[in-house]
Amino acid sequence: MTTKERIDQLSEERSRLYRFAPASRRRDTELKQRVAEITDELNQLWDLRRRERIGRLDGIDLLVERSYARVYGDDYRDVVAPAAVEEEGQQIALVA
């Protein structure tokens, strides 16, 4: 599910809760709590959506990162991470 789809889904749920609140059998506190949870998640999702639209997250294009993960099933950071440093005193064969 994309960020935009999740935003739409939560917005619909929140609207539904507002519409049916008077007829709801839920206690007011439960309703208010759920609306607050949805609002918090929506704020986070909108922040993520803005970063997606800008196209940058930590210096890497978020869309490229997601595409890479879909195609290869890996995090790009696993591939571009530097090689591990050899243990001290271990002989390294040099190729000329």
PDB file of N, CA and C in Angstrom:
ATOM      1  N   MET A   1       0.844  -1.172   0.000  1.00  0.00           N
ATOM      2  CA  MET A   1       0.000   0.000   0.000  1.00  0.00           C
ATOM      3  C   MET A   1       0.892   1.239   0.000  1.00  0.00           C
ATOM      4  N   THR A   2       0.593   2.162  -0.872  1.00  0.00           N
ATOM      5  CA  THR A   2       1.388   3.383  -0.945  1.00  0.00           C
ATOM      6  C   THR A   2       1.013   4.329   0.192  1.00  0.00           C
ATOM      7  N   THR A   3       1.863   5.316   0.404  1.00  0.00           N
ATOM      8  CA  THR A   3       1.598   6.321   1.429  1.00  0.00           C
ATOM      9  C   THR A   3       0.286   7.033   1.151  1.00  0.00           C
ATOM     10  N   LYS A   4       0.077   7.395  -0.105  1.00  0.00           N
ATOM     11  CA  LYS A   4      -1.154   8.112  -0.481  1.00  0.00           C
ATOM     12  C   LYS A   4      -2.385   7.249  -0.240  1.00  0.00           C
ATOM     13  N   GLU A   5      -2.308   5.979  -0.568  1.00  0.00           N
ATOM     14  CA  GLU A   5      -3.443   5.075  -0.339  1.00  0.00           C
ATOM     15  C   GLU A   5      -3.757   4.956   1.153  1.00  0.00           C
ATOM     16  N   ARG A   6      -2.720   4.877   1.978  1.00  0.00           N
ATOM     17  CA  ARG A   6      -2.936   4.792   3.430  1.00  0.00           C
ATOM     18  C   ARG A   6      -3.546   6.093   3.955  1.00  0.00           C
ATOM     19  N   ILE A   7      -3.090   7.228   3.444  1.00  0.00           N
ATOM     20  CA  ILE A   7      -3.667   8.519   3.835  1.00  0.00           C
ATOM     21  C   ILE A   7      -5.151   8.542   3.493  1.00  0.00           C
ATOM     22  N   ASP A   8      -5.485   8.107   2.288  1.00  0.00           N
ATOM     23  CA  ASP A   8      -6.892   8.076   1.865  1.00  0.00           C
ATOM     24  C   ASP A   8      -7.715   7.159   2.764  1.00  0.00           C
ATOM     25  N   GLN A   9      -7.162   5.996   3.076  1.00  0.00           N
ATOM     26  CA  GLN A   9      -7.869   5.024   3.909  1.00  0.00           C
ATOM     27  C   GLN A   9      -8.153   5.594   5.303  1.00  0.00           C
ATOM     28  N   LEU A  10      -7.140   6.185   5.917  1.00  0.00           N
ATOM     29  CA  LEU A  10      -7.318   6.744   7.256  1.00  0.00           C
ATOM     30  C   LEU A  10      -8.245   7.955   7.247  1.00  0.00           C
ATOM     31  N   SER A  11      -8.156   8.760   6.203  1.00  0.00           N
ATOM     32  CA  SER A  11      -9.039   9.926   6.098  1.00  0.00           C
ATOM     33  C   SER A  11     -10.496   9.496   6.002  1.00  0.00           C
ATOM     34  N   GLU A  12     -10.745   8.448   5.223  1.00  0.00           N
ATOM     35  CA  GLU A  12     -12.110   7.923   5.113  1.00  0.00           C
ATOM     36  C   GLU A  12     -12.598   7.393   6.456  1.00  0.00           C
ATOM     37  N   GLU A  13     -11.729   6.677   7.161  1.00  0.00           N
ATOM     38  CA  GLU A  13     -12.124   6.140   8.468  1.00  0.00           C
ATOM     39  C   GLU A  13     -12.444   7.264   9.442  1.00  0.00           C
ATOM     40  N   ARG A  14     -11.598   8.281   9.460  1.00  0.00           N
ATOM     41  CA  ARG A  14     -11.836   9.406  10.370  1.00  0.00           C
ATOM     42  C   ARG A  14     -13.133  10.131  10.024  1.00  0.00           C
ATOM     43  N   SER A  15     -13.385  10.330   8.742  1.00  0.00           N
ATOM     44  CA  SER A  15     -14.640  10.965   8.316  1.00  0.00           C
ATOM     45  C   SER A  15     -15.844  10.133   8.738  1.00  0.00           C
ATOM     46  N   ARG A  16     -15.729   8.831   8.572  1.00  0.00           N
ATOM     47  CA  ARG A  16     -16.808   7.923   8.964  1.00  0.00           C
ATOM     48  C   ARG A  16     -17.065   8.016  10.471  1.00  0.00           C
ATOM     49  N   LEU A  17     -16.000   8.068  11.249  1.00  0.00           N
ATOM     50  CA  LEU A  17     -16.154   8.189  12.700  1.00  0.00           C
ATOM     51  C   LEU A  17     -16.848   9.496  13.073  1.00  0.00           C
ATOM     52  N   TYR A  18     -16.469  10.584  12.413  1.00  0.00           N
ATOM     53  CA  TYR A  18     -17.121  11.867  12.677  1.00  0.00           C
ATOM     54  C   TYR A  18     -18.599  11.821  12.297  1.00  0.00           C
ATOM     55  N   ARG A  19     -18.890  11.212  11.147  1.00  0.00           N
ATOM     56  CA  ARG A  19     -20.277  11.155  10.665  1.00  0.00           C
ATOM     57  C   ARG A  19     -21.172  10.328  11.571  1.00  0.00           C
ATOM     58  N   PHE A  20     -20.667   9.194  11.986  1.00  0.00           N
ATOM     59  CA  PHE A  20     -21.488   8.263  12.751  1.00  0.00           C
ATOM     60  C   PHE A  20     -21.271   8.362  14.260  1.00  0.00           C
ATOM     61  N   ALA A  21     -20.526   9.329  14.714  1.00  0.00           N
ATOM     62  CA  ALA A  21     -20.249   9.470  16.147  1.00  0.00           C
ATOM     63  C   ALA A  21     -21.514   9.551  16.999  1.00  0.00           C
ATOM     64  N   PRO A  22     -22.513  10.343  16.637  1.00  0.00           N
ATOM     65  CA  PRO A  22     -23.708  10.417  17.485  1.00  0.00           C
ATOM     66  C   PRO A  22     -24.447   9.079  17.583  1.00  0.00           C
ATOM     67  N   ALA A  23     -24.425   8.280  16.523  1.00  0.00           N
ATOM     68  CA  ALA A  23     -25.138   7.000  16.521  1.00  0.00           C
ATOM     69  C   ALA A  23     -24.269   5.854  17.033  1.00  0.00           C
ATOM     70  N   SER A  24     -23.015   6.144  17.278  1.00  0.00           N
ATOM     71  CA  SER A  24     -22.079   5.091  17.685  1.00  0.00           C
ATOM     72  C   SER A  24     -22.379   4.603  19.094  1.00  0.00           C
ATOM     73  N   ARG A  25     -22.161   3.312  19.297  1.00  0.00           N
ATOM     74  CA  ARG A  25     -22.342   2.742  20.634  1.00  0.00           C
ATOM     75  C   ARG A  25     -21.041   2.794  21.425  1.00  0.00           C
ATOM     76  N   ARG A  26     -19.993   3.241  20.771  1.00  0.00           N
ATOM     77  CA  ARG A  26     -18.713   3.376  21.465  1.00  0.00           C
ATOM     78  C   ARG A  26     -18.825   4.504  22.486  1.00  0.00           C
ATOM     79  N   ARG A  27     -18.068   4.362  23.530  1.00  0.00           N
ATOM     80  CA  ARG A  27     -18.012   5.468  24.488  1.00  0.00           C
ATOM     81  C   ARG A  27     -17.249   6.612  23.849  1.00  0.00           C
ATOM     82  N   ASP A  28     -17.541   7.807  24.312  1.00  0.00           N
ATOM     83  CA  ASP A  28     -16.878   8.995  23.778  1.00  0.00           C
ATOM     84  C   ASP A  28     -15.363   8.895  23.868  1.00  0.00           C
ATOM     85  N   THR A  29     -14.838   8.371  24.961  1.00  0.00           N
ATOM     86  CA  THR A  29     -13.381   8.299  25.121  1.00  0.00           C
ATOM     87  C   THR A  29     -12.747   7.380  24.084  1.00  0.00           C
ATOM     88  N   GLU A  30     -13.401   6.264  23.765  1.00  0.00           N
ATOM     89  CA  GLU A  30     -12.872   5.354  22.744  1.00  0.00           C
ATOM     90  C   GLU A  30     -12.860   6.030  21.379  1.00  0.00           C
ATOM     91  N   LEU A  31     -13.933   6.735  21.086  1.00  0.00           N
ATOM     92  CA  LEU A  31     -14.036   7.432  19.804  1.00  0.00           C
ATOM     93  C   LEU A  31     -12.965   8.511  19.696  1.00  0.00           C
ATOM     94  N   LYS A  32     -12.825   9.295  20.745  1.00  0.00           N
ATOM     95  CA  LYS A  32     -11.818  10.366  20.748  1.00  0.00           C
ATOM     96  C   LYS A  32     -10.409   9.793  20.638  1.00  0.00           C
ATOM     97  N   GLN A  33     -10.180   8.680  21.320  1.00  0.00           N
ATOM     98  CA  GLN A  33      -8.857   8.057  21.273  1.00  0.00           C
ATOM     99  C   GLN A  33      -8.537   7.575  19.859  1.00  0.00           C
ATOM    100  N   ARG A  34      -9.494   6.931  19.204  1.00  0.00           N
ATOM    101  CA  ARG A  34      -9.259   6.434  17.842  1.00  0.00           C
ATOM    102  C   ARG A  34      -9.033   7.591  16.877  1.00  0.00           C
ATOM    103  N   VAL A  35      -9.827   8.652  17.007  1.00  0.00           N
ATOM    104  CA  VAL A  35      -9.645   9.822  16.139  1.00  0.00           C
ATOM    105  C   VAL A  35      -8.258  10.421  16.367  1.00  0.00           C
ATOM    106  N   ALA A  36      -7.815  10.480  17.619  1.00  0.00           N
ATOM    107  CA  ALA A  36      -6.478  11.008  17.926  1.00  0.00           C
ATOM    108  C   ALA A  36      -5.388  10.123  17.322  1.00  0.00           C
ATOM    109  N   GLU A  37      -5.559   8.802  17.401  1.00  0.00           N
ATOM    110  CA  GLU A  37      -4.589   7.874  16.800  1.00  0.00           C
ATOM    111  C   GLU A  37      -4.510   8.077  15.292  1.00  0.00           C
ATOM    112  N   ILE A  38      -5.671   8.191  14.664  1.00  0.00           N
ATOM    113  CA  ILE A  38      -5.712   8.390  13.210  1.00  0.00           C
ATOM    114  C   ILE A  38      -5.046   9.704  12.848  1.00  0.00           C
ATOM    115  N   THR A  39      -5.360  10.754  13.607  1.00  0.00           N
ATOM    116  CA  THR A  39      -4.782  12.073  13.332  1.00  0.00           C
ATOM    117  C   THR A  39      -3.265  12.043  13.463  1.00  0.00           C
ATOM    118  N   ASP A  40      -2.753  11.383  14.493  1.00  0.00           N
ATOM    119  CA  ASP A  40      -1.297  11.270  14.665  1.00  0.00           C
ATOM    120  C   ASP A  40      -0.657  10.532  13.493  1.00  0.00           C
ATOM    121  N   GLU A  41      -1.266   9.417  13.099  1.00  0.00           N
ATOM    122  CA  GLU A  41      -0.710   8.656  11.975  1.00  0.00           C
ATOM    123  C   GLU A  41      -0.789   9.456  10.679  1.00  0.00           C
ATOM    124  N   LEU A  42      -1.888  10.176  10.488  1.00  0.00           N
ATOM    125  CA  LEU A  42      -2.017  11.007   9.287  1.00  0.00           C
ATOM    126  C   LEU A  42      -0.944  12.088   9.250  1.00  0.00           C
ATOM    127  N   ASN A  43      -0.657  12.700  10.382  1.00  0.00           N
ATOM    128  CA  ASN A  43       0.401  13.715  10.423  1.00  0.00           C
ATOM    129  C   ASN A  43       1.744  13.121  10.010  1.00  0.00           C
ATOM    130  N   GLN A  44       2.045  11.920  10.501  1.00  0.00           N
ATOM    131  CA  GLN A  44       3.300  11.257  10.133  1.00  0.00           C
ATOM    132  C   GLN A  44       3.321  10.896   8.647  1.00  0.00           C
ATOM    133  N   LEU A  45       2.188  10.404   8.161  1.00  0.00           N
ATOM    134  CA  LEU A  45       2.108  10.017   6.747  1.00  0.00           C
ATOM    135  C   LEU A  45       2.226  11.222   5.825  1.00  0.00           C
ATOM    136  N   TRP A  46       1.599  12.335   6.211  1.00  0.00           N
ATOM    137  CA  TRP A  46       1.716  13.531   5.375  1.00  0.00           C
ATOM    138  C   TRP A  46       3.157  14.037   5.360  1.00  0.00           C
ATOM    139  N   ASP A  47       3.849  13.922   6.481  1.00  0.00           N
ATOM    140  CA  ASP A  47       5.258  14.305   6.513  1.00  0.00           C
ATOM    141  C   ASP A  47       6.068  13.415   5.568  1.00  0.00           C
ATOM    142  N   LEU A  48       5.816  12.111   5.621  1.00  0.00           N
ATOM    143  CA  LEU A  48       6.484  11.176   4.712  1.00  0.00           C
ATOM    144  C   LEU A  48       6.138  11.497   3.264  1.00  0.00           C
ATOM    145  N   ARG A  49       4.877  11.788   3.006  1.00  0.00           N
ATOM    146  CA  ARG A  49       4.436  12.106   1.638  1.00  0.00           C
ATOM    147  C   ARG A  49       5.147  13.348   1.108  1.00  0.00           C
ATOM    148  N   ARG A  50       5.309  14.357   1.964  1.00  0.00           N
ATOM    149  CA  ARG A  50       6.038  15.564   1.534  1.00  0.00           C
ATOM    150  C   ARG A  50       7.481  15.217   1.185  1.00  0.00           C
ATOM    151  N   ARG A  51       8.106  14.353   2.004  1.00  0.00           N
ATOM    152  CA  ARG A  51       9.486  13.948   1.703  1.00  0.00           C
ATOM    153  C   ARG A  51       9.557  13.141   0.415  1.00  0.00           C
ATOM    154  N   GLU A  52       8.546  12.312   0.175  1.00  0.00           N
ATOM    155  CA  GLU A  52       8.507  11.555  -1.079  1.00  0.00           C
ATOM    156  C   GLU A  52       8.397  12.501  -2.266  1.00  0.00           C
ATOM    157  N   ARG A  53       7.548  13.502  -2.133  1.00  0.00           N
ATOM    158  CA  ARG A  53       7.365  14.448  -3.238  1.00  0.00           C
ATOM    159  C   ARG A  53       8.630  15.256  -3.486  1.00  0.00           C
ATOM    160  N   ILE A  54       9.325  15.574  -2.420  1.00  0.00           N
ATOM    161  CA  ILE A  54      10.600  16.270  -2.576  1.00  0.00           C
ATOM    162  C   ILE A  54      11.604  15.322  -3.221  1.00  0.00           C
ATOM    163  N   GLY A  55      11.435  14.029  -2.923  1.00  0.00           N
ATOM    164  CA  GLY A  55      12.272  13.019  -3.562  1.00  0.00           C
ATOM    165  C   GLY A  55      13.546  12.701  -2.818  1.00  0.00           C
ATOM    166  N   ARG A  56      13.690  13.228  -1.627  1.00  0.00           N
ATOM    167  CA  ARG A  56      14.929  12.974  -0.902  1.00  0.00           C
ATOM    168  C   ARG A  56      14.624  12.494   0.511  1.00  0.00           C
ATOM    169  N   LEU A  57      15.338  11.499   0.944  1.00  0.00           N
ATOM    170  CA  LEU A  57      15.285  11.024   2.323  1.00  0.00           C
ATOM    171  C   LEU A  57      16.687  10.565   2.666  1.00  0.00           C
ATOM    172  N   ASP A  58      17.325  11.278   3.550  1.00  0.00           N
ATOM    173  CA  ASP A  58      18.703  10.959   3.933  1.00  0.00           C
ATOM    174  C   ASP A  58      19.635  10.915   2.723  1.00  0.00           C
ATOM    175  N   GLY A  59      19.421  11.788   1.767  1.00  0.00           N
ATOM    176  CA  GLY A  59      20.309  11.878   0.616  1.00  0.00           C
ATOM    177  C   GLY A  59      20.058  10.844  -0.461  1.00  0.00           C
ATOM    178  N   ILE A  60      19.074   9.979  -0.305  1.00  0.00           N
ATOM    179  CA  ILE A  60      18.763   8.959  -1.308  1.00  0.00           C
ATOM    180  C   ILE A  60      17.336   9.168  -1.768  1.00  0.00           C
ATOM    181  N   ASP A  61      17.114   9.043  -3.031  1.00  0.00           N
ATOM    182  CA  ASP A  61      15.774   9.171  -3.578  1.00  0.00           C
ATOM    183  C   ASP A  61      14.904   8.048  -3.022  1.00  0.00           C
ATOM    184  N   LEU A  62      13.855   8.414  -2.303  1.00  0.00           N
ATOM    185  CA  LEU A  62      13.003   7.432  -1.641  1.00  0.00           C
ATOM    186  C   LEU A  62      12.348   6.487  -2.637  1.00  0.00           C
ATOM    187  N   LEU A  63      11.968   6.998  -3.780  1.00  0.00           N
ATOM    188  CA  LEU A  63      11.335   6.137  -4.777  1.00  0.00           C
ATOM    189  C   LEU A  63      12.308   5.098  -5.317  1.00  0.00           C
ATOM    190  N   VAL A  64      13.562   5.494  -5.507  1.00  0.00           N
ATOM    191  CA  VAL A  64      14.590   4.554  -5.956  1.00  0.00           C
ATOM    192  C   VAL A  64      14.816   3.499  -4.878  1.00  0.00           C
ATOM    193  N   GLU A  65      14.850   3.937  -3.625  1.00  0.00           N
ATOM    194  CA  GLU A  65      15.051   3.000  -2.512  1.00  0.00           C
ATOM    195  C   GLU A  65      13.937   1.959  -2.472  1.00  0.00           C
ATOM    196  N   ARG A  66      12.697   2.401  -2.605  1.00  0.00           N
ATOM    197  CA  ARG A  66      11.573   1.464  -2.579  1.00  0.00           C
ATOM    198  C   ARG A  66      11.603   0.533  -3.788  1.00  0.00           C
ATOM    199  N   SER A  67      11.934   1.071  -4.949  1.00  0.00           N
ATOM    200  CA  SER A  67      12.004   0.243  -6.153  1.00  0.00           C
ATOM    201  C   SER A  67      13.089  -0.814  -6.005  1.00  0.00           C
ATOM    202  N   TYR A  68      14.230  -0.416  -5.487  1.00  0.00           N
ATOM    203  CA  TYR A  68      15.330  -1.358  -5.274  1.00  0.00           C
ATOM    204  C   TYR A  68      14.878  -2.487  -4.358  1.00  0.00           C
ATOM    205  N   ALA A  69      14.203  -2.132  -3.272  1.00  0.00           N
ATOM    206  CA  ALA A  69      13.740  -3.143  -2.318  1.00  0.00           C
ATOM    207  C   ALA A  69      12.732  -4.086  -2.962  1.00  0.00           C
ATOM    208  N   ARG A  70      11.853  -3.556  -3.809  1.00  0.00           N
ATOM    209  CA  ARG A  70      10.867  -4.409  -4.482  1.00  0.00           C
ATOM    210  C   ARG A  70      11.539  -5.382  -5.443  1.00  0.00           C
ATOM    211  N   VAL A  71      12.500  -4.887  -6.199  1.00  0.00           N
ATOM    212  CA  VAL A  71      13.138  -5.713  -7.221  1.00  0.00           C
ATOM    213  C   VAL A  71      14.094  -6.725  -6.602  1.00  0.00           C
ATOM    214  N   TYR A  72      14.950  -6.261  -5.699  1.00  0.00           N
ATOM    215  CA  TYR A  72      16.010  -7.116  -5.171  1.00  0.00           C
ATOM    216  C   TYR A  72      15.720  -7.672  -3.780  1.00  0.00           C
ATOM    217  N   GLY A  73      14.731  -7.117  -3.093  1.00  0.00           N
ATOM    218  CA  GLY A  73      14.397  -7.590  -1.759  1.00  0.00           C
ATOM    219  C   GLY A  73      15.421  -7.227  -0.706  1.00  0.00           C
ATOM    220  N   ASP A  74      16.306  -6.313  -1.032  1.00  0.00           N
ATOM    221  CA  ASP A  74      17.345  -5.893  -0.105  1.00  0.00           C
ATOM    222  C   ASP A  74      17.243  -4.400   0.141  1.00  0.00           C
ATOM    223  N   ASP A  75      17.876  -3.997   1.207  1.00  0.00           N
ATOM    224  CA  ASP A  75      18.031  -2.578   1.480  1.00  0.00           C
ATOM    225  C   ASP A  75      19.280  -2.128   0.721  1.00  0.00           C
ATOM    226  N   TYR A  76      19.195  -1.028   0.032  1.00  0.00           N
ATOM    227  CA  TYR A  76      20.346  -0.563  -0.749  1.00  0.00           C
ATOM    228  C   TYR A  76      21.569  -0.355   0.134  1.00  0.00           C
ATOM    229  N   ARG A  77      21.356  -0.039   1.421  1.00  0.00           N
ATOM    230  CA  ARG A  77      22.490   0.198   2.322  1.00  0.00           C
ATOM    231  C   ARG A  77      23.312  -1.067   2.541  1.00  0.00           C
ATOM    232  N   ASP A  78      22.683  -2.244   2.413  1.00  0.00           N
ATOM    233  CA  ASP A  78      23.422  -3.499   2.547  1.00  0.00           C
ATOM    234  C   ASP A  78      24.390  -3.695   1.386  1.00  0.00           C
ATOM    235  N   VAL A  79      24.036  -3.171   0.235  1.00  0.00           N
ATOM    236  CA  VAL A  79      24.842  -3.353  -0.969  1.00  0.00           C
ATOM    237  C   VAL A  79      25.959  -2.320  -1.054  1.00  0.00           C
ATOM    238  N   VAL A  80      25.678  -1.082  -0.660  1.00  0.00           N
ATOM    239  CA  VAL A  80      26.669  -0.026  -0.806  1.00  0.00           C
ATOM    240  C   VAL A  80      27.524   0.166   0.442  1.00  0.00           C
ATOM    241  N   ALA A  81      27.280  -0.636   1.482  1.00  0.00           N
ATOM    242  CA  ALA A  81      28.076  -0.522   2.705  1.00  0.00           C
ATOM    243  C   ALA A  81      29.516  -0.937   2.414  1.00  0.00           C
ATOM    244  N   PRO A  82      30.474  -0.286   3.053  1.00  0.00           N
ATOM    245  CA  PRO A  82      31.870  -0.664   2.822  1.00  0.00           C
ATOM    246  C   PRO A  82      32.141  -2.076   3.337  1.00  0.00           C
ATOM    247  N   ALA A  83      33.114  -2.709   2.739  1.00  0.00           N
ATOM    248  CA  ALA A  83      33.490  -4.066   3.149  1.00  0.00           C
ATOM    249  C   ALA A  83      34.024  -4.040   4.575  1.00  0.00           C
ATOM    250  N   ALA A  84      33.874  -5.152   5.253  1.00  0.00           N
ATOM    251  CA  ALA A  84      34.350  -5.252   6.633  1.00  0.00           C
ATOM    252  C   ALA A  84      35.870  -5.148   6.674  1.00  0.00           C
ATOM    253  N   VAL A  85      36.374  -4.537   7.710  1.00  0.00           N
ATOM    254  CA  VAL A  85      37.814  -4.403   7.898  1.00  0.00           C
ATOM    255  C   VAL A  85      38.343  -5.734   8.410  1.00  0.00           C
ATOM    256  N   GLU A  86      39.463  -6.170   7.833  1.00  0.00           N
ATOM    257  CA  GLU A  86      40.064  -7.443   8.230  1.00  0.00           C
ATOM    258  C   GLU A  86      40.596  -7.338   9.657  1.00  0.00           C
ATOM    259  N   GLU A  87      40.643  -8.480  10.322  1.00  0.00           N
ATOM    260  CA  GLU A  87      41.187  -8.541  11.680  1.00  0.00           C
ATOM    261  C   GLU A  87      42.660  -8.145  11.666  1.00  0.00           C
ATOM    262  N   GLU A  88      43.104  -7.526  12.733  1.00  0.00           N
ATOM    263  CA  GLU A  88      44.490  -7.093  12.845  1.00  0.00           C
ATOM    264  C   GLU A  88      45.423  -8.305  12.797  1.00  0.00           C
ATOM    265  N   GLY A  89      46.479  -8.201  12.045  1.00  0.00           N
ATOM    266  CA  GLY A  89      47.465  -9.261  11.951  1.00  0.00           C
ATOM    267  C   GLY A  89      47.142 -10.309  10.902  1.00  0.00           C
ATOM    268  N   GLN A  90      45.995 -10.222  10.294  1.00  0.00           N
ATOM    269  CA  GLN A  90      45.610 -11.199   9.274  1.00  0.00           C
ATOM    270  C   GLN A  90      46.291 -10.823   7.955  1.00  0.00           C
ATOM    271  N   GLN A  91      46.829 -11.834   7.278  1.00  0.00           N
ATOM    272  CA  GLN A  91      47.508 -11.602   6.012  1.00  0.00           C
ATOM    273  C   GLN A  91      46.489 -11.400   4.893  1.00  0.00           C
ATOM    274  N   ILE A  92      46.723 -10.393   4.093  1.00  0.00           N
ATOM    275  CA  ILE A  92      45.858 -10.127   2.952  1.00  0.00           C
ATOM    276  C   ILE A  92      46.687 -10.330   1.693  1.00  0.00           C
ATOM    277  N   ALA A  93      46.213 -11.173   0.801  1.00  0.00           N
ATOM    278  CA  ALA A  93      46.937 -11.446  -0.440  1.00  0.00           C
ATOM    279  C   ALA A  93      46.769 -10.265  -1.383  1.00  0.00           C
ATOM    280  N   LEU A  94      47.884  -9.760  -1.874  1.00  0.00           N
ATOM    281  CA  LEU A  94      47.849  -8.657  -2.827  1.00  0.00           C
ATOM    282  C   LEU A  94      47.997  -9.212  -4.231  1.00  0.00           C
ATOM    283  N   VAL A  95      47.195  -8.724  -5.121  1.00  0.00           N
ATOM    284  CA  VAL A  95      47.251  -9.168  -6.508  1.00  0.00           C
ATOM    285  C   VAL A  95      47.901  -8.059  -7.322  1.00  0.00           C
ATOM    286  N   ALA A  96      48.909  -8.433  -8.115  1.00  0.00           N
ATOM    287  CA  ALA A  96      49.607  -7.427  -8.911  1.00  0.00           C
ATOM    288  C   ALA A  96      49.214  -7.505 -10.352  1.00  0.00           C
TER     289      ALA A  96
END
